[in-house]
C-alpha atoms as a PDB file:
ATOM      1  CA  MET A   1      23.455 -15.813  11.358  1.00  0.00           C
ATOM      2  CA  ALA A   2      22.780 -12.177  10.485  1.00  0.00           C
ATOM      3  CA  SER A   3      20.245 -13.097   7.791  1.00  0.00           C
ATOM      4  CA  ARG A   4      18.409 -15.292  10.295  1.00  0.00           C
ATOM      5  CA  ASN A   5      18.065 -12.318  12.664  1.00  0.00           C
ATOM      6  CA  PHE A   6      16.766 -10.215   9.769  1.00  0.00           C
ATOM      7  CA  PHE A   7      13.724 -12.505   9.442  1.00  0.00           C
ATOM      8  CA  THR A   8      13.062 -13.244  13.122  1.00  0.00           C
ATOM      9  CA  ASP A   9      11.920 -11.268  16.154  1.00  0.00           C
ATOM     10  CA  ARG A  10      13.893 -10.969  19.386  1.00  0.00           C
ATOM     11  CA  PHE A  11      12.508 -14.342  20.559  1.00  0.00           C
ATOM     12  CA  GLY A  12      13.696 -16.183  17.430  1.00  0.00           C
ATOM     13  CA  ARG A  13      10.212 -16.549  15.850  1.00  0.00           C
ATOM     14  CA  GLN A  14       9.923 -15.955  12.112  1.00  0.00           C
ATOM     15  CA  THR A  15       8.037 -12.766  11.261  1.00  0.00           C
ATOM     16  CA  VAL A  16       7.891 -12.820   7.475  1.00  0.00           C
ATOM     17  CA  PHE A  17       4.315 -14.108   7.177  1.00  0.00           C
ATOM     18  CA  LYS A  18       1.789 -12.961   9.753  1.00  0.00           C
ATOM     19  CA  VAL A  19      -1.966 -12.578   9.970  1.00  0.00           C
ATOM     20  CA  PRO A  20      -2.889  -9.235   8.320  1.00  0.00           C
ATOM     21  CA  ASN A  21      -3.771  -6.427  10.695  1.00  0.00           C
ATOM     22  CA  GLY A  22      -6.531  -3.797  10.402  1.00  0.00           C
ATOM     23  CA  PRO A  23      -4.844  -1.296   8.063  1.00  0.00           C
ATOM     24  CA  LEU A  24      -3.790  -4.053   5.665  1.00  0.00           C
ATOM     25  CA  ILE A  25      -7.300  -5.477   5.605  1.00  0.00           C
ATOM     26  CA  GLY A  26      -8.666  -1.940   5.026  1.00  0.00           C
ATOM     27  CA  TRP A  27      -6.253  -1.470   2.114  1.00  0.00           C
ATOM     28  CA  GLY A  28      -7.545  -4.641   0.474  1.00  0.00           C
ATOM     29  CA  VAL A  29     -11.241  -3.977   1.129  1.00  0.00           C
ATOM     30  CA  PHE A  30     -11.135  -0.351  -0.044  1.00  0.00           C
ATOM     31  CA  GLY A  31      -8.987  -1.318  -3.041  1.00  0.00           C
ATOM     32  CA  VAL A  32     -11.465  -3.946  -4.219  1.00  0.00           C
ATOM     33  CA  ALA A  33     -14.384  -1.601  -3.520  1.00  0.00           C
ATOM     34  CA  SER A  34     -12.745   1.140  -5.621  1.00  0.00           C
ATOM     35  CA  MET A  35     -12.674  -1.233  -8.589  1.00  0.00           C
ATOM     36  CA  MET A  36     -16.399  -1.895  -8.179  1.00  0.00           C
ATOM     37  CA  ALA A  37     -17.442   1.735  -7.606  1.00  0.00           C
ATOM     38  CA  LEU A  38     -20.151   2.997  -9.930  1.00  0.00           C
ATOM     39  CA  THR A  39     -18.968   6.602 -10.180  1.00  0.00           C
ATOM     40  CA  PRO A  40     -15.479   8.036 -10.670  1.00  0.00           C
ATOM     41  CA  ARG A  41     -15.973  10.225  -7.587  1.00  0.00           C
ATOM     42  CA  ASN A  42     -16.637   7.208  -5.359  1.00  0.00           C
ATOM     43  CA  ALA A  43     -13.795   5.267  -6.962  1.00  0.00           C
ATOM     44  CA  GLY A  44     -11.410   8.150  -6.218  1.00  0.00           C
ATOM     45  CA  LEU A  45     -12.541   8.360  -2.605  1.00  0.00           C
ATOM     46  CA  LEU A  46     -12.132   4.613  -2.103  1.00  0.00           C
ATOM     47  CA  LYS A  47      -8.672   4.673  -3.735  1.00  0.00           C
ATOM     48  CA  THR A  48      -7.652   7.459  -1.361  1.00  0.00           C
ATOM     49  CA  LEU A  49      -8.907   5.492   1.641  1.00  0.00           C
ATOM     50  CA  SER A  50      -7.071   2.410   0.377  1.00  0.00           C
ATOM     51  CA  LYS A  51      -3.818   4.339  -0.015  1.00  0.00           C
ATOM     52  CA  GLY A  52      -4.267   5.873   3.449  1.00  0.00           C
ATOM     53  CA  CYS A  53      -4.677   2.429   5.008  1.00  0.00           C
ATOM     54  CA  LEU A  54      -1.543   1.195   3.245  1.00  0.00           C
ATOM     55  CA  MET A  55       0.439   4.198   4.470  1.00  0.00           C
ATOM     56  CA  VAL A  56      -0.740   3.643   8.065  1.00  0.00           C
ATOM     57  CA  TRP A  57       0.362   0.008   7.796  1.00  0.00           C
ATOM     58  CA  ALA A  58       3.727   1.015   6.292  1.00  0.00           C
ATOM     59  CA  LEU A  59       4.372   3.581   9.032  1.00  0.00           C
ATOM     60  CA  GLY A  60       3.553   1.006  11.682  1.00  0.00           C
ATOM     61  CA  GLU A  61       5.881  -1.579  10.169  1.00  0.00           C
ATOM     62  CA  THR A  62       8.663   0.954   9.614  1.00  0.00           C
ATOM     63  CA  PHE A  63       8.752   2.090  13.224  1.00  0.00           C
ATOM     64  CA  ARG A  64       7.340  -0.909  15.127  1.00  0.00           C
ATOM     65  CA  GLY A  65       8.097  -3.879  12.865  1.00  0.00           C
ATOM     66  CA  GLU A  66       9.174  -7.029  14.712  1.00  0.00           C
ATOM     67  CA  SER A  67      12.144  -7.773  12.453  1.00  0.00           C
ATOM     68  CA  GLY A  68      14.489  -6.044  10.076  1.00  0.00           C
ATOM     69  CA  PHE A  69      12.611  -7.600   7.174  1.00  0.00           C
ATOM     70  CA  ARG A  70       9.251  -6.150   8.246  1.00  0.00           C
ATOM     71  CA  ARG A  71      10.780  -2.721   8.943  1.00  0.00           C
ATOM     72  CA  SER A  72      12.403  -2.773   5.493  1.00  0.00           C
ATOM     73  CA  ILE A  73       9.157  -3.769   3.754  1.00  0.00           C
ATOM     74  CA  GLY A  74       7.323  -1.002   5.623  1.00  0.00           C
ATOM     75  CA  ALA A  75       9.930   1.600   4.663  1.00  0.00           C
ATOM     76  CA  ALA A  76       9.978   0.487   1.011  1.00  0.00           C
ATOM     77  CA  THR A  77       6.170   0.593   0.821  1.00  0.00           C
ATOM     78  CA  LEU A  78       6.055   4.014   2.459  1.00  0.00           C
ATOM     79  CA  LEU A  79       8.729   5.345   0.096  1.00  0.00           C
ATOM     80  CA  ARG A  80       6.830   3.992  -2.927  1.00  0.00           C
ATOM     81  CA  GLU A  81       3.541   5.514  -1.787  1.00  0.00           C
ATOM     82  CA  VAL A  82       5.105   8.908  -1.050  1.00  0.00           C
ATOM     83  CA  THR A  83       7.210   9.178  -4.213  1.00  0.00           C
ATOM     84  CA  GLY A  84       4.985   7.282  -6.666  1.00  0.00           C
ATOM     85  CA  PRO A  85       2.195   8.769  -8.789  1.00  0.00           C
ATOM     86  CA  ALA A  86      -0.872   9.909  -6.843  1.00  0.00           C
ATOM     87  CA  ASP A  87      -3.171   7.832  -9.055  1.00  0.00           C
ATOM     88  CA  PRO A  88      -2.074   4.523 -10.547  1.00  0.00           C
ATOM     89  CA  ASP A  89      -4.071   5.400 -13.669  1.00  0.00           C
ATOM     90  CA  THR A  90      -1.704   8.283 -14.402  1.00  0.00           C
ATOM     91  CA  GLU A  91       1.732   8.020 -15.885  1.00  0.00           C
ATOM     92  CA  ALA A  92       4.375  10.552 -14.845  1.00  0.00           C
ATOM     93  CA  GLY A  93       1.683  12.937 -13.660  1.00  0.00           C
ATOM     94  CA  THR A  94      -0.099  13.062 -17.014  1.00  0.00           C
ATOM     95  CA  PRO A  95      -3.617  11.607 -17.055  1.00  0.00           C
ATOM     96  CA  LYS A  96      -4.318   9.006 -19.679  1.00  0.00           C
ATOM     97  CA  VAL A  97      -6.859  10.117 -22.259  1.00  0.00           C
ATOM     98  CA  SER A  98      -9.201   7.484 -23.567  1.00  0.00           C
ATOM     99  CA  ASP A  99     -10.597   7.562 -27.081  1.00  0.00           C
ATOM    100  CA  SER A 100     -14.132   8.069 -25.786  1.00  0.00           C
ATOM    101  CA  SER A 101     -13.240  11.310 -24.023  1.00  0.00           C
ATOM    102  CA  ARG A 102     -11.615  12.963 -27.045  1.00  0.00           C
ATOM    103  CA  LYS A 103     -13.612  15.453 -29.045  1.00  0.00           C
ATOM    104  CA  HIS A 104     -14.076  14.573 -32.694  1.00  0.00           C
END
């Protein structure tokens, strides 16, 4: 019975899959736009906006989620965004160096 309550709201409705809200849509739109950006500066700005939207969504789910599952997903996402690398293209804080940017 406890696992059922973990996935349902106080009215007994399942809350695992719901229509995405504004911050989640913003995360997806800005994320896709960052991959299509023509300059690294614009790509960085769009990645930052995407991450900001995801953090807003995670905060909302952590503190206002309708079920234990949604609050847990929000907290896990928030923890990952806060403790993870600032840029997914970096590994352990060290930027990757491509062959084209090395001096010969």
